[in-house]
């Protein structure tokens, strides 16, 4: 029986892009996958056919040959003799692609190069004060991590020896097993996917290729750093396996709560209590600033609670920028407490003398309330 056209099998046009071919293949592979059609020989056969079609068409060179010669390009030793489906059966690489596309895994495929994995990244949480965030600083941190063994240069083999090719998998890192229609690849249990075995393990690391140590690092915290900032130190993470590159170290900054200042981006906010007399008559108050100094602020006569005054250039530095933010103070008018008898008498006399003229907000509020009550009684 003549083979069905590969494009027809996938339900795609000859001009279809690789993305369209993959989309069509994934849809059919999900439909005819043996796990979804147990004991259905027709579905299993269809699953193999679409896998064969996609394995040819996803390869630009094979697709070009198929477009020109059709199925004959892969028969009688075509495409290099024995590499096509007619000579060697369904390519195991096609199954790996099926597993990878459908289930997000490689079907057990591995090799010695892929087993040389990059080292893991590390995280270190560092807490600093707002003053330290303002000025910037250098912190000493102790990081426990794995490092490449210096005795064996990370190979895991005793000095003077070297790892040998695994005989069980011939250095591939995986073993293939035929199971019915499927060619299953499994990680080699002898070398654990590395493709190599160590006959004489290094005494310094017991063949692991890495050691544990605590490394002291000097971390530079730039001025203006904010809460939640992440600093990356390249190659300061865990050691990679078999000499692979190290991972990175990430320093996560948290800025501690400050009892006086609150920060929002580059602006510093501060609530400042002022005496009732200063708020009424006006005057000056001295306030602290984040740089450790002091500034004098002129308070206007009649200042109410919530009045804001802005001090330019007294805020936080802007990260990687020469500009500096501002400081905003919010006044809180303080009511006198613990007054003497004489002070109370003077304050009562003051209230009697002033009447409603000096408290426009209060008198206005009373008038609004009276108007509301009159509306309700009408």
Protein backbone atom coordinates (compact mmCIF):
# COMPACT_ATOMS: atom_id res chain seq x y z
CA UNK A 1 0.00 0.00 0.00
CA UNK A 2 1.32 3.41 -0.98
CA UNK A 3 2.17 5.71 1.87
CA UNK A 4 -0.11 8.65 2.49
CA UNK A 5 1.29 12.07 1.73
CA UNK A 6 2.95 13.53 4.84
CA UNK A 7 1.23 16.89 4.46
CA UNK A 8 -2.15 15.19 4.13
CA UNK A 9 -1.39 13.10 7.21
CA UNK A 10 -0.85 16.26 9.26
CA UNK A 11 -3.67 18.15 7.57
CA UNK A 12 -1.32 20.93 6.48
CA UNK A 13 -0.52 22.71 3.22
CA UNK A 14 2.86 22.33 1.52
CA UNK A 15 3.45 26.02 2.14
CA UNK A 16 2.78 25.66 5.90
CA UNK A 17 5.33 27.23 8.23
CA UNK A 18 7.21 25.22 10.83
CA UNK A 19 4.99 26.70 13.53
CA UNK A 20 1.84 25.59 11.66
CA UNK A 21 3.27 22.10 11.12
CA UNK A 22 4.09 21.77 14.79
CA UNK A 23 0.63 22.95 15.79
CA UNK A 24 -1.03 20.40 13.48
CA UNK A 25 1.24 17.63 14.70
CA UNK A 26 0.62 18.37 18.37
CA UNK A 27 -3.14 18.28 17.85
CA UNK A 28 -3.05 14.89 16.12
CA UNK A 29 -0.48 13.42 18.49
CA UNK A 30 -2.66 14.29 21.45
CA UNK A 31 -5.65 12.71 19.67
CA UNK A 32 -3.97 9.41 18.76
CA UNK A 33 -1.56 9.02 21.67
CA UNK A 34 -1.63 5.37 22.96
CA UNK A 35 -2.18 6.54 26.52
CA UNK A 36 -5.46 8.04 25.40
CA UNK A 37 -6.34 5.07 23.19
CA UNK A 38 -5.36 1.92 25.11
CA UNK A 39 -5.57 -1.33 23.12
CA UNK A 40 -6.45 0.57 19.95
CA UNK A 41 -4.02 -0.71 17.32
CA UNK A 42 -5.38 1.63 14.65
CA UNK A 43 -4.70 4.67 16.83
CA UNK A 44 -1.21 3.39 17.66
CA UNK A 45 -0.45 2.93 13.96
CA UNK A 46 -1.79 6.42 13.20
CA UNK A 47 0.32 7.81 16.02
CA UNK A 48 3.45 6.33 14.42
CA UNK A 49 2.53 7.65 10.97
CA UNK A 50 2.04 11.24 12.11
CA UNK A 51 5.23 11.04 14.14
CA UNK A 52 7.11 9.82 11.07
CA UNK A 53 5.62 12.61 8.95
CA UNK A 54 6.47 15.33 11.43
CA UNK A 55 10.02 14.03 11.97
CA UNK A 56 10.66 14.46 8.23
CA UNK A 57 8.91 17.78 7.72
CA UNK A 58 10.35 19.51 10.80
CA UNK A 59 13.86 19.07 9.34
CA UNK A 60 14.45 21.64 6.59
CA UNK A 61 16.83 19.39 4.60
CA UNK A 62 14.60 16.32 4.85
CA UNK A 63 11.56 18.42 3.99
CA UNK A 64 13.27 19.81 0.89
CA UNK A 65 14.17 16.28 -0.23
CA UNK A 66 10.63 15.08 0.40
CA UNK A 67 9.12 18.01 -1.48
CA UNK A 68 11.28 17.14 -4.49
CA UNK A 69 11.30 13.33 -4.48
CA UNK A 70 8.45 12.32 -2.16
CA UNK A 71 8.74 9.10 -0.15
CA UNK A 72 11.40 7.73 -2.53
CA UNK A 73 13.89 10.16 -1.00
CA UNK A 74 13.95 7.97 2.12
CA UNK A 75 13.76 4.52 0.57
CA UNK A 76 16.55 2.20 -0.55
CA UNK A 77 19.16 3.98 1.51
CA UNK A 78 18.09 7.50 0.58
CA UNK A 79 19.27 10.47 2.68
CA UNK A 80 22.58 8.93 3.49
CA UNK A 81 21.78 5.22 3.41
CA UNK A 82 20.13 3.74 6.47
CA UNK A 83 19.22 7.04 8.09
CA UNK A 84 15.71 7.17 6.66
CA UNK A 85 12.62 5.39 7.87
CA UNK A 86 12.69 2.78 5.10
CA UNK A 87 16.05 1.41 6.23
CA UNK A 88 16.19 1.99 9.94
CA UNK A 89 12.60 2.23 11.15
CA UNK A 90 11.08 5.14 13.05
CA UNK A 91 13.80 7.43 14.39
CA UNK A 92 13.93 7.44 18.19
CA UNK A 93 14.47 11.18 18.05
CA UNK A 94 10.89 11.50 16.87
CA UNK A 95 9.65 9.92 20.08
CA UNK A 96 11.78 12.28 22.13
CA UNK A 97 10.15 15.20 20.35
CA UNK A 98 6.72 13.72 21.00
CA UNK A 99 7.38 13.45 24.73
CA UNK A 100 8.91 16.92 24.82
CA UNK A 101 6.08 18.58 22.88
CA UNK A 102 3.24 16.81 24.63
CA UNK A 103 4.45 16.49 28.19
CA UNK A 104 7.26 19.04 28.55
CA UNK A 105 9.91 16.35 29.04
CA UNK A 106 12.59 14.71 26.93
CA UNK A 107 11.43 11.12 27.32
CA UNK A 108 14.55 10.23 29.23
CA UNK A 109 16.94 11.63 26.64
CA UNK A 110 20.20 12.82 28.09
CA UNK A 111 23.89 12.87 27.33
CA UNK A 112 27.14 13.62 29.04
CA UNK A 113 27.16 17.23 27.90
CA UNK A 114 23.69 17.99 29.25
CA UNK A 115 24.63 16.43 32.59
CA UNK A 116 27.27 19.12 33.04
CA UNK A 117 24.67 21.42 34.48
CA UNK A 118 25.28 25.00 35.57
CA UNK A 119 25.40 25.55 39.31
CA UNK A 120 22.28 26.61 41.20
CA UNK A 121 21.63 30.28 41.99
CA UNK A 122 21.67 31.36 45.64
CA UNK A 123 19.64 33.97 47.52
CA UNK A 124 20.79 36.05 50.49
CA UNK A 125 18.44 38.40 52.36
CA UNK A 126 20.18 41.53 53.64
CA UNK A 127 18.52 44.03 55.97
CA UNK A 128 19.81 47.61 56.11
CA UNK A 129 18.71 50.83 57.82
CA UNK A 130 17.23 53.81 56.01
CA UNK A 131 20.38 55.79 56.86
CA UNK A 132 22.50 53.07 55.21
CA UNK A 133 20.24 53.19 52.18
CA UNK A 134 20.79 56.95 52.03
CA UNK A 135 24.58 56.86 52.20
CA UNK A 136 25.34 53.48 50.61
CA UNK A 137 27.74 51.06 52.23
CA UNK A 138 29.83 47.95 51.90
CA UNK A 139 28.63 44.86 53.78
CA UNK A 140 30.54 41.70 54.64
CA UNK A 141 28.35 38.63 54.17
CA UNK A 142 29.13 34.95 54.78
CA UNK A 143 27.66 32.68 52.10
CA UNK A 144 27.61 28.88 52.61
CA UNK A 145 27.88 27.27 49.18
CA UNK A 146 29.46 24.47 47.17
CA UNK A 147 32.68 25.15 45.27
CA UNK A 148 34.62 23.18 42.71
CA UNK A 149 37.10 20.78 44.31
CA UNK A 150 40.62 22.11 43.81
CA UNK A 151 42.20 18.67 44.27
CA UNK A 152 40.55 17.24 41.14
CA UNK A 153 39.59 20.49 39.36
CA UNK A 154 35.96 19.46 39.63
CA UNK A 155 36.29 16.20 37.70
CA UNK A 156 35.68 13.97 40.74
CA UNK A 157 38.60 11.69 39.79
CA UNK A 158 41.74 11.30 41.87
CA UNK A 159 44.67 13.43 40.73
CA UNK A 160 46.55 11.66 37.95
CA UNK A 161 43.42 9.83 36.75
CA UNK A 162 40.42 10.88 34.75
CA UNK A 163 36.80 9.77 34.33
CA UNK A 164 36.29 6.92 31.87
CA UNK A 165 33.58 6.39 29.28
CA UNK A 166 30.67 4.46 30.71
CA UNK A 167 30.55 0.95 29.23
CA UNK A 168 26.86 0.47 29.93
CA UNK A 169 25.72 3.32 27.67
CA UNK A 170 28.87 3.87 25.57
CA UNK A 171 29.09 7.42 26.86
CA UNK A 172 25.63 8.47 25.65
CA UNK A 173 24.24 8.90 29.16
CA UNK A 174 21.10 6.96 28.29
CA UNK A 175 20.00 3.46 27.48
CA UNK A 176 17.41 2.64 24.81
CA UNK A 177 14.86 -0.12 25.28
CA UNK A 178 12.32 -1.36 22.74
CA UNK A 179 8.84 -1.70 24.24
CA UNK A 180 6.28 -2.68 21.62
CA UNK A 181 5.83 0.24 19.25
CA UNK A 182 7.99 2.48 21.40
CA UNK A 183 11.71 3.06 21.71
CA UNK A 184 12.10 4.30 25.29
CA UNK A 185 15.20 6.13 26.43
CA UNK A 186 16.15 5.98 30.10
CA UNK A 187 18.93 7.63 32.06
CA UNK A 188 21.81 5.21 32.42
CA UNK A 189 21.78 3.88 36.00
CA UNK A 190 25.51 3.17 35.93
CA UNK A 191 26.74 6.70 35.19
CA UNK A 192 23.50 8.54 36.11
CA UNK A 193 23.39 10.27 32.77
CA UNK A 194 26.92 11.67 32.79
CA UNK A 195 28.28 9.24 30.22
CA UNK A 196 31.34 8.74 32.40
CA UNK A 197 32.30 6.65 35.42
CA UNK A 198 34.98 7.36 37.99
CA UNK A 199 37.11 4.35 38.82
CA UNK A 200 39.27 6.16 41.39
CA UNK A 201 37.28 8.87 43.22
CA UNK A 202 39.03 11.97 44.49
CA UNK A 203 39.81 11.73 48.23
CA UNK A 204 39.15 15.44 48.71
CA UNK A 205 35.53 15.36 47.51
CA UNK A 206 34.75 11.61 47.43
CA UNK A 207 34.13 11.82 43.70
CA UNK A 208 31.51 14.57 43.89
CA UNK A 209 33.71 17.18 42.22
CA UNK A 210 32.54 19.85 44.71
CA UNK A 211 33.12 20.79 48.34
CA UNK A 212 31.14 22.82 50.85
CA UNK A 213 32.60 26.03 52.20
CA UNK A 214 31.55 29.39 53.62
CA UNK A 215 32.75 32.28 51.49
CA UNK A 216 33.07 35.80 52.86
CA UNK A 217 32.08 38.42 50.32
CA UNK A 218 32.15 42.21 50.35
CA UNK A 219 28.88 43.45 48.88
CA UNK A 220 28.66 47.07 47.76
CA UNK A 221 25.24 48.60 48.41
CA UNK A 222 24.77 51.73 46.27
CA UNK A 223 23.27 54.91 47.70
CA UNK A 224 19.55 55.21 47.09
CA UNK A 225 18.82 51.48 47.05
CA UNK A 226 15.14 50.76 47.77
CA UNK A 227 13.34 48.04 49.68
CA UNK A 228 13.08 44.91 47.51
CA UNK A 229 16.07 45.75 45.31
CA UNK A 230 17.94 42.71 43.98
CA UNK A 231 21.70 42.76 43.46
CA UNK A 232 23.25 40.05 41.29
CA UNK A 233 26.77 38.76 41.87
CA UNK A 234 27.76 36.68 38.87
CA UNK A 235 29.40 33.27 39.43
CA UNK A 236 29.09 33.49 43.22
CA UNK A 237 26.42 30.76 43.46
CA UNK A 238 26.77 26.99 43.71
CA UNK A 239 29.49 25.23 41.73
CA UNK A 240 28.45 23.54 38.50
CA UNK A 241 28.79 19.80 38.04
CA UNK A 242 31.88 18.40 36.31
CA UNK A 243 33.45 21.80 35.81
CA UNK A 244 30.31 23.53 34.51
CA UNK A 245 29.91 27.28 35.25
CA UNK A 246 28.86 28.45 38.71
CA UNK A 247 25.45 29.87 39.42
CA UNK A 248 24.85 33.44 40.55
CA UNK A 249 24.22 34.96 43.96
CA UNK A 250 21.27 37.31 44.40
CA UNK A 251 21.26 39.75 47.31
CA UNK A 252 17.72 40.86 48.21
CA UNK A 253 17.64 44.17 50.09
CA UNK A 254 15.07 44.98 52.75
CA UNK A 255 15.07 48.46 54.34
CA UNK A 256 14.12 48.50 58.01
CA UNK A 257 11.27 50.56 59.47
CA UNK A 258 12.29 54.04 60.61
CA UNK A 259 10.53 55.68 63.58
CA UNK A 260 10.80 59.23 62.20
CA UNK A 261 11.14 59.11 58.42
CA UNK A 262 8.99 57.39 55.84
CA UNK A 263 10.23 56.90 52.32
CA UNK A 264 8.36 56.91 49.02
CA UNK A 265 10.71 56.54 46.07
CA UNK A 266 13.20 59.43 46.44
CA UNK A 267 10.96 61.52 48.74
CA UNK A 268 11.32 61.50 52.53
CA UNK A 269 8.23 62.26 54.63
CA UNK A 270 8.29 63.38 58.24
CA UNK A 271 5.49 64.40 60.62
CA UNK A 272 6.56 67.29 62.85
CA UNK A 273 4.61 68.35 65.98
CA UNK A 274 4.55 72.13 66.54
CA UNK A 275 3.24 74.09 69.55
CA UNK A 276 -0.16 75.72 69.24
CA UNK A 277 1.41 79.11 69.81
CA UNK A 278 3.91 78.66 66.96
CA UNK A 279 1.14 77.45 64.68
CA UNK A 280 -0.95 80.50 65.61
CA UNK A 281 1.70 83.22 65.58
CA UNK A 282 4.23 81.72 63.20
CA UNK A 283 7.88 81.06 63.90
CA UNK A 284 10.62 78.54 63.21
CA UNK A 285 11.05 74.86 64.09
CA UNK A 286 14.17 72.74 63.84
CA UNK A 287 13.77 69.34 62.24
CA UNK A 288 16.21 66.44 61.66
CA UNK A 289 17.19 65.33 58.16
CA UNK A 290 18.12 61.88 56.86
CA UNK A 291 21.75 62.91 56.31
CA UNK A 292 22.16 63.37 60.08
CA UNK A 293 21.91 67.15 60.02
CA UNK A 294 19.18 69.64 60.93
CA UNK A 295 17.17 72.23 59.04
CA UNK A 296 15.12 75.19 60.24
CA UNK A 297 11.69 75.60 58.72
CA UNK A 298 9.66 78.80 58.86
CA UNK A 299 6.11 78.16 60.00
CA UNK A 300 3.49 80.54 58.70
CA UNK A 301 1.05 82.11 61.15
CA UNK A 302 -2.25 80.24 61.22
CA UNK A 303 -0.74 76.90 60.22
CA UNK A 304 -3.14 73.99 60.66
CA UNK A 305 -2.51 70.29 61.20
CA UNK A 306 -1.68 68.67 57.87
CA UNK A 307 0.05 71.68 56.37
CA UNK A 308 3.00 70.50 54.23
CA UNK A 309 6.36 72.18 53.78
CA UNK A 310 8.87 71.01 51.17
CA UNK A 311 12.64 71.00 51.60
CA UNK A 312 14.33 70.57 48.25
CA UNK A 313 17.35 68.27 48.01
CA UNK A 314 16.85 66.82 51.49
CA UNK A 315 15.39 63.50 50.36
CA UNK A 316 16.95 60.24 49.15
CA UNK A 317 19.52 59.84 46.40
CA UNK A 318 18.17 58.44 43.15
CA UNK A 319 19.85 55.15 42.25
CA UNK A 320 22.44 55.55 39.49
CA UNK A 321 21.51 59.22 39.14
CA UNK A 322 23.19 62.38 40.49
CA UNK A 323 19.82 63.89 41.47
CA UNK A 324 18.49 63.86 45.03
CA UNK A 325 14.85 63.82 46.08
CA UNK A 326 13.04 66.21 48.42
CA UNK A 327 11.84 66.07 52.00
CA UNK A 328 8.21 66.83 52.85
CA UNK A 329 7.21 67.66 56.41
CA UNK A 330 3.63 67.51 57.62
CA UNK A 331 2.73 69.65 60.62
CA UNK A 332 0.76 68.35 63.57
CA UNK A 333 -0.50 71.18 65.79
CA UNK A 334 -0.06 70.09 69.39
CA UNK A 335 -2.79 70.82 71.96
CA UNK A 336 -1.42 72.05 75.32
CA UNK A 337 -1.59 69.53 78.19
CA UNK A 338 -0.80 69.67 81.93
CA UNK A 339 -1.59 73.40 82.13
CA UNK A 340 -1.46 75.30 85.39
CA UNK A 341 -4.50 77.11 86.81
CA UNK A 342 -3.20 80.44 85.63
CA UNK A 343 -2.53 79.12 82.13
CA UNK A 344 -6.08 77.79 81.94
CA UNK A 345 -7.49 81.15 83.04
CA UNK A 346 -5.42 82.91 80.41
CA UNK A 347 -6.58 80.48 77.75
CA UNK A 348 -10.24 80.99 78.74
CA UNK A 349 -9.77 84.74 78.59
CA UNK A 350 -8.15 84.32 75.17
CA UNK A 351 -11.10 82.27 73.94
CA UNK A 352 -13.59 84.83 75.25
CA UNK A 353 -11.70 87.68 73.64
CA UNK A 354 -11.32 85.96 70.27
CA UNK A 355 -14.86 84.71 69.73
CA UNK A 356 -15.44 82.94 66.40
CA UNK A 357 -13.30 85.22 64.26
CA UNK A 358 -10.01 83.40 64.89
CA UNK A 359 -11.43 79.93 64.23
CA UNK A 360 -13.11 80.18 60.81
CA UNK A 361 -13.08 76.44 60.19
CA UNK A 362 -14.86 75.67 63.47
CA UNK A 363 -17.49 78.38 63.07
CA UNK A 364 -18.07 77.37 59.45
CA UNK A 365 -18.58 73.77 60.51
CA UNK A 366 -21.16 74.80 63.12
CA UNK A 367 -23.05 76.81 60.52
CA UNK A 368 -23.12 73.79 58.19
CA UNK A 369 -24.48 71.59 60.98
CA UNK A 370 -27.18 74.14 61.85
CA UNK A 371 -28.20 74.30 58.21
CA UNK A 372 -28.43 70.51 58.05
CA UNK A 373 -30.62 70.37 61.15
CA UNK A 374 -32.93 73.06 59.77
CA UNK A 375 -33.33 71.10 56.52
CA UNK A 376 -34.23 67.97 58.47
CA UNK A 377 -36.88 69.73 60.58
CA UNK A 378 -38.59 71.45 57.61
